[in-house]
Amino acid sequence: MAPAPAVAMQRRGTRVRRSSDAVANLAKRLLDAVQAWPGETMKVIAAHVGEKPRAHHRPMMRLKHEGRVRSTGERNATRYFPMGGKAT
Protein backbone atom coordinates (compact mmCIF):
# COMPACT_ATOMS: atom_id res chain seq x y z
CA MET A 1 0.00 0.00 0.00
CA ALA A 2 2.97 2.34 0.34
CA PRO A 3 3.58 2.84 -3.44
CA ALA A 4 0.20 4.52 -4.05
CA PRO A 5 1.02 7.74 -2.13
CA ALA A 6 4.40 7.97 -3.90
CA VAL A 7 2.66 7.91 -7.29
CA ALA A 8 0.25 10.61 -6.17
CA MET A 9 3.16 12.77 -5.03
CA GLN A 10 4.84 12.48 -8.42
CA ARG A 11 1.77 13.70 -10.28
CA ARG A 12 1.51 16.89 -8.28
CA GLY A 13 4.84 18.24 -9.47
CA THR A 14 4.17 17.77 -13.20
CA ARG A 15 1.61 20.54 -13.68
CA VAL A 16 2.66 23.86 -15.11
CA ARG A 17 0.55 26.93 -14.39
CA ARG A 18 -0.18 29.02 -17.48
CA SER A 19 0.15 32.78 -17.33
CA SER A 20 -2.94 34.95 -17.73
CA ASP A 21 -1.55 36.12 -21.09
CA ALA A 22 -1.34 32.51 -22.29
CA VAL A 23 -4.93 31.86 -21.18
CA ALA A 24 -6.10 35.07 -22.90
CA ASN A 25 -4.28 34.12 -26.11
CA LEU A 26 -5.82 30.65 -26.10
CA ALA A 27 -9.25 32.18 -25.38
CA LYS A 28 -8.91 34.40 -28.46
CA ARG A 29 -7.94 31.42 -30.61
CA LEU A 30 -10.89 29.47 -29.18
CA LEU A 31 -13.29 32.32 -29.94
CA ASP A 32 -12.04 32.49 -33.52
CA ALA A 33 -12.55 28.72 -33.89
CA VAL A 34 -16.06 28.85 -32.38
CA GLN A 35 -16.98 31.66 -34.78
CA ALA A 36 -15.57 29.71 -37.73
CA TRP A 37 -17.27 26.42 -36.72
CA PRO A 38 -20.36 27.25 -34.63
CA GLY A 39 -22.17 24.35 -33.02
CA GLU A 40 -19.16 22.02 -32.89
CA THR A 41 -17.92 19.97 -29.95
CA MET A 42 -14.75 20.75 -28.01
CA LYS A 43 -12.98 17.83 -29.67
CA VAL A 44 -13.49 19.35 -33.13
CA ILE A 45 -12.65 22.89 -31.96
CA ALA A 46 -9.51 21.68 -30.19
CA ALA A 47 -8.32 19.97 -33.36
CA HIS A 48 -8.55 23.29 -35.23
CA VAL A 49 -6.85 25.25 -32.44
CA GLY A 50 -4.08 22.68 -32.03
CA GLU A 51 -4.37 21.86 -28.33
CA LYS A 52 -5.88 19.00 -26.38
CA PRO A 53 -9.54 19.50 -25.39
CA ARG A 54 -8.64 19.38 -21.68
CA ALA A 55 -6.42 22.47 -22.07
CA HIS A 56 -9.40 24.56 -23.17
CA HIS A 57 -11.52 24.37 -20.03
CA ARG A 58 -10.36 27.58 -18.33
CA PRO A 59 -10.21 29.73 -21.50
CA MET A 60 -13.70 28.54 -22.52
CA MET A 61 -15.08 29.32 -19.06
CA ARG A 62 -13.56 32.79 -19.40
CA LEU A 63 -15.31 33.31 -22.76
CA LYS A 64 -18.62 32.07 -21.36
CA HIS A 65 -18.30 34.35 -18.32
CA GLU A 66 -17.64 37.34 -20.61
CA GLY A 67 -20.77 36.47 -22.62
CA ARG A 68 -18.87 35.82 -25.86
CA VAL A 69 -19.72 32.10 -26.14
CA ARG A 70 -22.69 30.00 -25.09
CA SER A 71 -22.94 26.25 -24.82
CA THR A 72 -25.70 23.68 -25.06
CA GLY A 73 -25.71 20.03 -24.05
CA GLU A 74 -23.74 18.18 -21.43
CA ARG A 75 -20.39 16.41 -21.19
CA ASN A 76 -19.24 15.03 -24.55
CA ALA A 77 -22.38 16.32 -26.30
CA THR A 78 -21.67 19.98 -25.43
CA ARG A 79 -21.81 22.30 -28.43
CA TYR A 80 -20.41 25.85 -28.49
CA PHE A 81 -21.89 28.88 -30.22
CA PRO A 82 -20.65 32.48 -30.55
CA MET A 83 -22.66 35.29 -29.01
CA GLY A 84 -23.06 38.46 -31.06
CA GLY A 85 -20.72 39.61 -33.81
CA LYS A 86 -17.09 38.83 -34.50
CA ALA A 87 -14.76 40.10 -31.79
CA THR A 88 -11.96 42.50 -32.63
PDB file of N, CA and C in Angstrom:
ATOM      1  N   MET A   1       0.806  -1.197   0.000  1.00  0.00           N
ATOM      2  CA  MET A   1       0.000   0.000   0.000  1.00  0.00           C
ATOM      3  C   MET A   1       0.852   1.266   0.000  1.00  0.00           C
ATOM      4  N   ALA A   2       2.098   1.180   0.290  1.00  0.00           N
ATOM      5  CA  ALA A   2       2.972   2.344   0.343  1.00  0.00           C
ATOM      6  C   ALA A   2       3.231   2.969  -1.029  1.00  0.00           C
ATOM      7  N   PRO A   3       3.286   2.222  -2.147  1.00  0.00           N
ATOM      8  CA  PRO A   3       3.579   2.837  -3.441  1.00  0.00           C
ATOM      9  C   PRO A   3       2.515   3.817  -3.931  1.00  0.00           C
ATOM     10  N   ALA A   4       1.266   3.640  -3.569  1.00  0.00           N
ATOM     11  CA  ALA A   4       0.202   4.521  -4.054  1.00  0.00           C
ATOM     12  C   ALA A   4       0.435   5.989  -3.687  1.00  0.00           C
ATOM     13  N   PRO A   5       0.770   6.337  -2.436  1.00  0.00           N
ATOM     14  CA  PRO A   5       1.024   7.745  -2.131  1.00  0.00           C
ATOM     15  C   PRO A   5       2.215   8.309  -2.896  1.00  0.00           C
ATOM     16  N   ALA A   6       3.226   7.501  -3.155  1.00  0.00           N
ATOM     17  CA  ALA A   6       4.397   7.974  -3.896  1.00  0.00           C
ATOM     18  C   ALA A   6       4.005   8.363  -5.318  1.00  0.00           C
ATOM     19  N   VAL A   7       3.118   7.597  -5.945  1.00  0.00           N
ATOM     20  CA  VAL A   7       2.659   7.912  -7.294  1.00  0.00           C
ATOM     21  C   VAL A   7       1.869   9.216  -7.277  1.00  0.00           C
ATOM     22  N   ALA A   8       1.026   9.386  -6.279  1.00  0.00           N
ATOM     23  CA  ALA A   8       0.249  10.614  -6.168  1.00  0.00           C
ATOM     24  C   ALA A   8       1.166  11.828  -5.980  1.00  0.00           C
ATOM     25  N   MET A   9       2.227  11.669  -5.248  1.00  0.00           N
ATOM     26  CA  MET A   9       3.163  12.769  -5.027  1.00  0.00           C
ATOM     27  C   MET A   9       3.871  13.146  -6.323  1.00  0.00           C
ATOM     28  N   GLN A  10       4.166  12.188  -7.166  1.00  0.00           N
ATOM     29  CA  GLN A  10       4.840  12.478  -8.423  1.00  0.00           C
ATOM     30  C   GLN A  10       3.947  13.273  -9.359  1.00  0.00           C
ATOM     31  N   ARG A  11       2.692  13.000  -9.385  1.00  0.00           N
ATOM     32  CA  ARG A  11       1.772  13.697 -10.284  1.00  0.00           C
ATOM     33  C   ARG A  11       1.619  15.169  -9.931  1.00  0.00           C
ATOM     34  N   ARG A  12       1.699  15.509  -8.689  1.00  0.00           N
ATOM     35  CA  ARG A  12       1.505  16.895  -8.276  1.00  0.00           C
ATOM     36  C   ARG A  12       2.551  17.831  -8.867  1.00  0.00           C
ATOM     37  N   GLY A  13       3.769  17.376  -9.006  1.00  0.00           N
ATOM     38  CA  GLY A  13       4.839  18.237  -9.475  1.00  0.00           C
ATOM     39  C   GLY A  13       4.907  18.403 -10.979  1.00  0.00           C
ATOM     40  N   THR A  14       4.070  17.710 -11.754  1.00  0.00           N
ATOM     41  CA  THR A  14       4.172  17.769 -13.203  1.00  0.00           C
ATOM     42  C   THR A  14       3.341  18.874 -13.839  1.00  0.00           C
ATOM     43  N   ARG A  15       2.461  19.487 -13.114  1.00  0.00           N
ATOM     44  CA  ARG A  15       1.605  20.536 -13.684  1.00  0.00           C
ATOM     45  C   ARG A  15       2.374  21.844 -13.824  1.00  0.00           C
ATOM     46  N   VAL A  16       2.052  22.559 -14.886  1.00  0.00           N
ATOM     47  CA  VAL A  16       2.655  23.862 -15.112  1.00  0.00           C
ATOM     48  C   VAL A  16       1.519  24.877 -15.204  1.00  0.00           C
ATOM     49  N   ARG A  17       1.588  25.900 -14.397  1.00  0.00           N
ATOM     50  CA  ARG A  17       0.548  26.927 -14.392  1.00  0.00           C
ATOM     51  C   ARG A  17       0.767  27.877 -15.551  1.00  0.00           C
ATOM     52  N   ARG A  18      -0.280  28.095 -16.352  1.00  0.00           N
ATOM     53  CA  ARG A  18      -0.178  29.017 -17.483  1.00  0.00           C
ATOM     54  C   ARG A  18      -0.359  30.451 -17.001  1.00  0.00           C
ATOM     55  N   SER A  19       0.299  31.366 -17.672  1.00  0.00           N
ATOM     56  CA  SER A  19       0.147  32.779 -17.330  1.00  0.00           C
ATOM     57  C   SER A  19      -1.212  33.274 -17.819  1.00  0.00           C
ATOM     58  N   SER A  20      -1.661  34.405 -17.293  1.00  0.00           N
ATOM     59  CA  SER A  20      -2.943  34.953 -17.727  1.00  0.00           C
ATOM     60  C   SER A  20      -2.883  35.375 -19.191  1.00  0.00           C
ATOM     61  N   ASP A  21      -1.705  35.781 -19.675  1.00  0.00           N
ATOM     62  CA  ASP A  21      -1.551  36.121 -21.093  1.00  0.00           C
ATOM     63  C   ASP A  21      -1.730  34.881 -21.969  1.00  0.00           C
ATOM     64  N   ALA A  22      -1.194  33.748 -21.528  1.00  0.00           N
ATOM     65  CA  ALA A  22      -1.335  32.509 -22.289  1.00  0.00           C
ATOM     66  C   ALA A  22      -2.799  32.069 -22.334  1.00  0.00           C
ATOM     67  N   VAL A  23      -3.508  32.211 -21.227  1.00  0.00           N
ATOM     68  CA  VAL A  23      -4.926  31.856 -21.182  1.00  0.00           C
ATOM     69  C   VAL A  23      -5.728  32.798 -22.082  1.00  0.00           C
ATOM     70  N   ALA A  24      -5.408  34.092 -22.056  1.00  0.00           N
ATOM     71  CA  ALA A  24      -6.102  35.068 -22.902  1.00  0.00           C
ATOM     72  C   ALA A  24      -5.844  34.790 -24.386  1.00  0.00           C
ATOM     73  N   ASN A  25      -4.613  34.434 -24.724  1.00  0.00           N
ATOM     74  CA  ASN A  25      -4.278  34.123 -26.112  1.00  0.00           C
ATOM     75  C   ASN A  25      -5.034  32.881 -26.585  1.00  0.00           C
ATOM     76  N   LEU A  26      -5.091  31.866 -25.752  1.00  0.00           N
ATOM     77  CA  LEU A  26      -5.821  30.649 -26.101  1.00  0.00           C
ATOM     78  C   LEU A  26      -7.316  30.939 -26.186  1.00  0.00           C
ATOM     79  N   ALA A  27      -7.837  31.808 -25.331  1.00  0.00           N
ATOM     80  CA  ALA A  27      -9.254  32.179 -25.377  1.00  0.00           C
ATOM     81  C   ALA A  27      -9.582  32.870 -26.696  1.00  0.00           C
ATOM     82  N   LYS A  28      -8.686  33.729 -27.176  1.00  0.00           N
ATOM     83  CA  LYS A  28      -8.913  34.403 -28.456  1.00  0.00           C
ATOM     84  C   LYS A  28      -8.924  33.396 -29.601  1.00  0.00           C
ATOM     85  N   ARG A  29      -7.980  32.453 -29.566  1.00  0.00           N
ATOM     86  CA  ARG A  29      -7.942  31.417 -30.608  1.00  0.00           C
ATOM     87  C   ARG A  29      -9.192  30.543 -30.554  1.00  0.00           C
ATOM     88  N   LEU A  30      -9.665  30.248 -29.342  1.00  0.00           N
ATOM     89  CA  LEU A  30     -10.892  29.470 -29.184  1.00  0.00           C
ATOM     90  C   LEU A  30     -12.097  30.229 -29.742  1.00  0.00           C
ATOM     91  N   LEU A  31     -12.178  31.516 -29.442  1.00  0.00           N
ATOM     92  CA  LEU A  31     -13.289  32.324 -29.939  1.00  0.00           C
ATOM     93  C   LEU A  31     -13.294  32.345 -31.464  1.00  0.00           C
ATOM     94  N   ASP A  32     -12.128  32.509 -32.062  1.00  0.00           N
ATOM     95  CA  ASP A  32     -12.037  32.486 -33.523  1.00  0.00           C
ATOM     96  C   ASP A  32     -12.514  31.147 -34.078  1.00  0.00           C
ATOM     97  N   ALA A  33     -12.140  30.055 -33.437  1.00  0.00           N
ATOM     98  CA  ALA A  33     -12.549  28.724 -33.890  1.00  0.00           C
ATOM     99  C   ALA A  33     -14.051  28.516 -33.723  1.00  0.00           C
ATOM    100  N   VAL A  34     -14.613  28.986 -32.608  1.00  0.00           N
ATOM    101  CA  VAL A  34     -16.056  28.846 -32.379  1.00  0.00           C
ATOM    102  C   VAL A  34     -16.828  29.662 -33.410  1.00  0.00           C
ATOM    103  N   GLN A  35     -16.313  30.841 -33.769  1.00  0.00           N
ATOM    104  CA  GLN A  35     -16.976  31.655 -34.780  1.00  0.00           C
ATOM    105  C   GLN A  35     -16.867  31.023 -36.163  1.00  0.00           C
ATOM    106  N   ALA A  36     -15.759  30.356 -36.435  1.00  0.00           N
ATOM    107  CA  ALA A  36     -15.573  29.712 -37.729  1.00  0.00           C
ATOM    108  C   ALA A  36     -16.390  28.422 -37.845  1.00  0.00           C
ATOM    109  N   TRP A  37     -16.539  27.684 -36.745  1.00  0.00           N
ATOM    110  CA  TRP A  37     -17.270  26.416 -36.723  1.00  0.00           C
ATOM    111  C   TRP A  37     -18.299  26.413 -35.602  1.00  0.00           C
ATOM    112  N   PRO A  38     -19.369  27.213 -35.711  1.00  0.00           N
ATOM    113  CA  PRO A  38     -20.362  27.250 -34.631  1.00  0.00           C
ATOM    114  C   PRO A  38     -21.099  25.913 -34.504  1.00  0.00           C
ATOM    115  N   GLY A  39     -21.406  25.556 -33.282  1.00  0.00           N
ATOM    116  CA  GLY A  39     -22.167  24.347 -33.023  1.00  0.00           C
ATOM    117  C   GLY A  39     -21.337  23.077 -32.963  1.00  0.00           C
ATOM    118  N   GLU A  40     -20.031  23.199 -32.939  1.00  0.00           N
ATOM    119  CA  GLU A  40     -19.162  22.023 -32.886  1.00  0.00           C
ATOM    120  C   GLU A  40     -18.831  21.657 -31.440  1.00  0.00           C
ATOM    121  N   THR A  41     -18.330  20.438 -31.267  1.00  0.00           N
ATOM    122  CA  THR A  41     -17.921  19.968 -29.949  1.00  0.00           C
ATOM    123  C   THR A  41     -16.502  20.457 -29.654  1.00  0.00           C
ATOM    124  N   MET A  42     -16.092  20.323 -28.409  1.00  0.00           N
ATOM    125  CA  MET A  42     -14.751  20.748 -28.008  1.00  0.00           C
ATOM    126  C   MET A  42     -13.680  19.924 -28.717  1.00  0.00           C
ATOM    127  N   LYS A  43     -13.958  18.681 -28.985  1.00  0.00           N
ATOM    128  CA  LYS A  43     -12.982  17.830 -29.670  1.00  0.00           C
ATOM    129  C   LYS A  43     -12.664  18.378 -31.060  1.00  0.00           C
ATOM    130  N   VAL A  44     -13.678  18.803 -31.791  1.00  0.00           N
ATOM    131  CA  VAL A  44     -13.486  19.353 -33.132  1.00  0.00           C
ATOM    132  C   VAL A  44     -12.801  20.715 -33.046  1.00  0.00           C
ATOM    133  N   ILE A  45     -13.241  21.556 -32.129  1.00  0.00           N
ATOM    134  CA  ILE A  45     -12.650  22.887 -31.963  1.00  0.00           C
ATOM    135  C   ILE A  45     -11.189  22.764 -31.561  1.00  0.00           C
ATOM    136  N   ALA A  46     -10.889  21.860 -30.646  1.00  0.00           N
ATOM    137  CA  ALA A  46      -9.515  21.675 -30.188  1.00  0.00           C
ATOM    138  C   ALA A  46      -8.610  21.223 -31.324  1.00  0.00           C
ATOM    139  N   ALA A  47      -9.116  20.416 -32.224  1.00  0.00           N
ATOM    140  CA  ALA A  47      -8.316  19.971 -33.364  1.00  0.00           C
ATOM    141  C   ALA A  47      -7.942  21.145 -34.264  1.00  0.00           C
ATOM    142  N   HIS A  48      -8.839  22.111 -34.415  1.00  0.00           N
ATOM    143  CA  HIS A  48      -8.552  23.289 -35.233  1.00  0.00           C
ATOM    144  C   HIS A  48      -7.601  24.255 -34.526  1.00  0.00           C
ATOM    145  N   VAL A  49      -7.702  24.338 -33.219  1.00  0.00           N
ATOM    146  CA  VAL A  49      -6.853  25.247 -32.442  1.00  0.00           C
ATOM    147  C   VAL A  49      -5.457  24.658 -32.261  1.00  0.00           C
ATOM    148  N   GLY A  50      -5.372  23.337 -32.162  1.00  0.00           N
ATOM    149  CA  GLY A  50      -4.079  22.684 -32.033  1.00  0.00           C
ATOM    150  C   GLY A  50      -3.674  22.345 -30.616  1.00  0.00           C
ATOM    151  N   GLU A  51      -4.623  22.248 -29.722  1.00  0.00           N
ATOM    152  CA  GLU A  51      -4.366  21.865 -28.331  1.00  0.00           C
ATOM    153  C   GLU A  51      -5.271  20.694 -27.983  1.00  0.00           C
ATOM    154  N   LYS A  52      -5.006  20.062 -26.858  1.00  0.00           N
ATOM    155  CA  LYS A  52      -5.880  18.999 -26.384  1.00  0.00           C
ATOM    156  C   LYS A  52      -7.144  19.626 -25.809  1.00  0.00           C
ATOM    157  N   PRO A  53      -8.292  18.941 -25.915  1.00  0.00           N
ATOM    158  CA  PRO A  53      -9.545  19.502 -25.394  1.00  0.00           C
ATOM    159  C   PRO A  53      -9.473  19.870 -23.911  1.00  0.00           C
ATOM    160  N   ARG A  54      -8.744  19.113 -23.118  1.00  0.00           N
ATOM    161  CA  ARG A  54      -8.642  19.376 -21.676  1.00  0.00           C
ATOM    162  C   ARG A  54      -7.994  20.730 -21.396  1.00  0.00           C
ATOM    163  N   ALA A  55      -7.123  21.192 -22.268  1.00  0.00           N
ATOM    164  CA  ALA A  55      -6.424  22.466 -22.072  1.00  0.00           C
ATOM    165  C   ALA A  55      -7.327  23.670 -22.296  1.00  0.00           C
ATOM    166  N   HIS A  56      -8.522  23.449 -22.826  1.00  0.00           N
ATOM    167  CA  HIS A  56      -9.403  24.565 -23.173  1.00  0.00           C
ATOM    168  C   HIS A  56     -10.446  24.888 -22.120  1.00  0.00           C
ATOM    169  N   HIS A  57     -10.466  24.166 -21.025  1.00  0.00           N
ATOM    170  CA  HIS A  57     -11.524  24.370 -20.032  1.00  0.00           C
ATOM    171  C   HIS A  57     -11.527  25.795 -19.477  1.00  0.00           C
ATOM    172  N   ARG A  58     -10.398  26.259 -18.950  1.00  0.00           N
ATOM    173  CA  ARG A  58     -10.355  27.582 -18.332  1.00  0.00           C
ATOM    174  C   ARG A  58     -10.577  28.707 -19.351  1.00  0.00           C
ATOM    175  N   PRO A  59      -9.938  28.674 -20.522  1.00  0.00           N
ATOM    176  CA  PRO A  59     -10.213  29.734 -21.500  1.00  0.00           C
ATOM    177  C   PRO A  59     -11.674  29.756 -21.958  1.00  0.00           C
ATOM    178  N   MET A  60     -12.292  28.577 -22.097  1.00  0.00           N
ATOM    179  CA  MET A  60     -13.697  28.538 -22.515  1.00  0.00           C
ATOM    180  C   MET A  60     -14.595  29.084 -21.419  1.00  0.00           C
ATOM    181  N   MET A  61     -14.291  28.763 -20.165  1.00  0.00           N
ATOM    182  CA  MET A  61     -15.079  29.323 -19.063  1.00  0.00           C
ATOM    183  C   MET A  61     -14.957  30.847 -19.034  1.00  0.00           C
ATOM    184  N   ARG A  62     -13.782  31.345 -19.345  1.00  0.00           N
ATOM    185  CA  ARG A  62     -13.564  32.793 -19.402  1.00  0.00           C
ATOM    186  C   ARG A  62     -14.435  33.424 -20.489  1.00  0.00           C
ATOM    187  N   LEU A  63     -14.484  32.804 -21.667  1.00  0.00           N
ATOM    188  CA  LEU A  63     -15.314  33.313 -22.760  1.00  0.00           C
ATOM    189  C   LEU A  63     -16.795  33.256 -22.408  1.00  0.00           C
ATOM    190  N   LYS A  64     -17.221  32.189 -21.751  1.00  0.00           N
ATOM    191  CA  LYS A  64     -18.617  32.069 -21.356  1.00  0.00           C
ATOM    192  C   LYS A  64     -18.976  33.113 -20.307  1.00  0.00           C
ATOM    193  N   HIS A  65     -18.070  33.354 -19.359  1.00  0.00           N
ATOM    194  CA  HIS A  65     -18.304  34.350 -18.321  1.00  0.00           C
ATOM    195  C   HIS A  65     -18.408  35.755 -18.919  1.00  0.00           C
ATOM    196  N   GLU A  66     -17.609  36.034 -19.936  1.00  0.00           N
ATOM    197  CA  GLU A  66     -17.637  37.340 -20.605  1.00  0.00           C
ATOM    198  C   GLU A  66     -18.840  37.491 -21.529  1.00  0.00           C
ATOM    199  N   GLY A  67     -19.598  36.416 -21.752  1.00  0.00           N
ATOM    200  CA  GLY A  67     -20.773  36.471 -22.620  1.00  0.00           C
ATOM    201  C   GLY A  67     -20.434  36.420 -24.096  1.00  0.00           C
ATOM    202  N   ARG A  68     -19.280  35.881 -24.453  1.00  0.00           N
ATOM    203  CA  ARG A  68     -18.867  35.824 -25.855  1.00  0.00           C
ATOM    204  C   ARG A  68     -19.189  34.480 -26.493  1.00  0.00           C
ATOM    205  N   VAL A  69     -19.419  33.446 -25.668  1.00  0.00           N
ATOM    206  CA  VAL A  69     -19.722  32.102 -26.143  1.00  0.00           C
ATOM    207  C   VAL A  69     -20.811  31.521 -25.268  1.00  0.00           C
ATOM    208  N   ARG A  70     -21.698  30.739 -25.875  1.00  0.00           N
ATOM    209  CA  ARG A  70     -22.690  30.003 -25.095  1.00  0.00           C
ATOM    210  C   ARG A  70     -22.559  28.531 -25.455  1.00  0.00           C
ATOM    211  N   SER A  71     -23.020  27.679 -24.566  1.00  0.00           N
ATOM    212  CA  SER A  71     -22.940  26.248 -24.824  1.00  0.00           C
ATOM    213  C   SER A  71     -24.280  25.592 -24.570  1.00  0.00           C
ATOM    214  N   THR A  72     -24.510  24.491 -25.275  1.00  0.00           N
ATOM    215  CA  THR A  72     -25.700  23.683 -25.058  1.00  0.00           C
ATOM    216  C   THR A  72     -25.266  22.237 -24.930  1.00  0.00           C
ATOM    217  N   GLY A  73     -26.033  21.445 -24.228  1.00  0.00           N
ATOM    218  CA  GLY A  73     -25.710  20.035 -24.054  1.00  0.00           C
ATOM    219  C   GLY A  73     -24.867  19.807 -22.819  1.00  0.00           C
ATOM    220  N   GLU A  74     -24.505  18.562 -22.613  1.00  0.00           N
ATOM    221  CA  GLU A  74     -23.736  18.178 -21.431  1.00  0.00           C
ATOM    222  C   GLU A  74     -22.603  17.245 -21.819  1.00  0.00           C
ATOM    223  N   ARG A  75     -21.553  17.294 -21.058  1.00  0.00           N
ATOM    224  CA  ARG A  75     -20.394  16.409 -21.188  1.00  0.00           C
ATOM    225  C   ARG A  75     -19.877  16.352 -22.616  1.00  0.00           C
ATOM    226  N   ASN A  76     -19.801  15.169 -23.215  1.00  0.00           N
ATOM    227  CA  ASN A  76     -19.243  15.028 -24.554  1.00  0.00           C
ATOM    228  C   ASN A  76     -20.162  15.551 -25.644  1.00  0.00           C
ATOM    229  N   ALA A  77     -21.417  15.812 -25.320  1.00  0.00           N
ATOM    230  CA  ALA A  77     -22.376  16.321 -26.297  1.00  0.00           C
ATOM    231  C   ALA A  77     -22.483  17.843 -26.253  1.00  0.00           C
ATOM    232  N   THR A  78     -21.612  18.528 -25.533  1.00  0.00           N
ATOM    233  CA  THR A  78     -21.669  19.977 -25.427  1.00  0.00           C
ATOM    234  C   THR A  78     -21.266  20.611 -26.747  1.00  0.00           C
ATOM    235  N   ARG A  79     -22.068  21.565 -27.195  1.00  0.00           N
ATOM    236  CA  ARG A  79     -21.814  22.302 -28.432  1.00  0.00           C
ATOM    237  C   ARG A  79     -21.623  23.772 -28.070  1.00  0.00           C
ATOM    238  N   TYR A  80     -20.750  24.458 -28.799  1.00  0.00           N
ATOM    239  CA  TYR A  80     -20.409  25.852 -28.486  1.00  0.00           C
ATOM    240  C   TYR A  80     -20.818  26.764 -29.630  1.00  0.00           C
ATOM    241  N   PHE A  81     -21.408  27.908 -29.261  1.00  0.00           N
ATOM    242  CA  PHE A  81     -21.892  28.878 -30.223  1.00  0.00           C
ATOM    243  C   PHE A  81     -21.401  30.280 -29.849  1.00  0.00           C
ATOM    244  N   PRO A  82     -21.067  31.107 -30.844  1.00  0.00           N
ATOM    245  CA  PRO A  82     -20.655  32.482 -30.547  1.00  0.00           C
ATOM    246  C   PRO A  82     -21.859  33.329 -30.189  1.00  0.00           C
ATOM    247  N   MET A  83     -21.622  34.339 -29.376  1.00  0.00           N
ATOM    248  CA  MET A  83     -22.664  35.290 -29.006  1.00  0.00           C
ATOM    249  C   MET A  83     -22.353  36.614 -29.694  1.00  0.00           C
ATOM    250  N   GLY A  84     -23.290  37.167 -30.428  1.00  0.00           N
ATOM    251  CA  GLY A  84     -23.063  38.460 -31.063  1.00  0.00           C
ATOM    252  C   GLY A  84     -22.174  38.367 -32.271  1.00  0.00           C
ATOM    253  N   GLY A  85     -21.571  39.527 -32.636  1.00  0.00           N
ATOM    254  CA  GLY A  85     -20.716  39.615 -33.813  1.00  0.00           C
ATOM    255  C   GLY A  85     -19.310  39.152 -33.568  1.00  0.00           C
ATOM    256  N   LYS A  86     -18.503  39.251 -34.596  1.00  0.00           N
ATOM    257  CA  LYS A  86     -17.093  38.828 -34.504  1.00  0.00           C
ATOM    258  C   LYS A  86     -16.335  39.808 -33.629  1.00  0.00           C
ATOM    259  N   ALA A  87     -15.542  39.279 -32.698  1.00  0.00           N
ATOM    260  CA  ALA A  87     -14.759  40.104 -31.791  1.00  0.00           C
ATOM    261  C   ALA A  87     -13.572  40.706 -32.512  1.00  0.00           C
ATOM    262  N   THR A  88     -13.137  41.854 -32.028  1.00  0.00           N
ATOM    263  CA  THR A  88     -11.957  42.501 -32.626  1.00  0.00           C
ATOM    264  C   THR A  88     -10.748  42.299 -31.778  1.00  0.00           C
TER     265      THR A  88
END
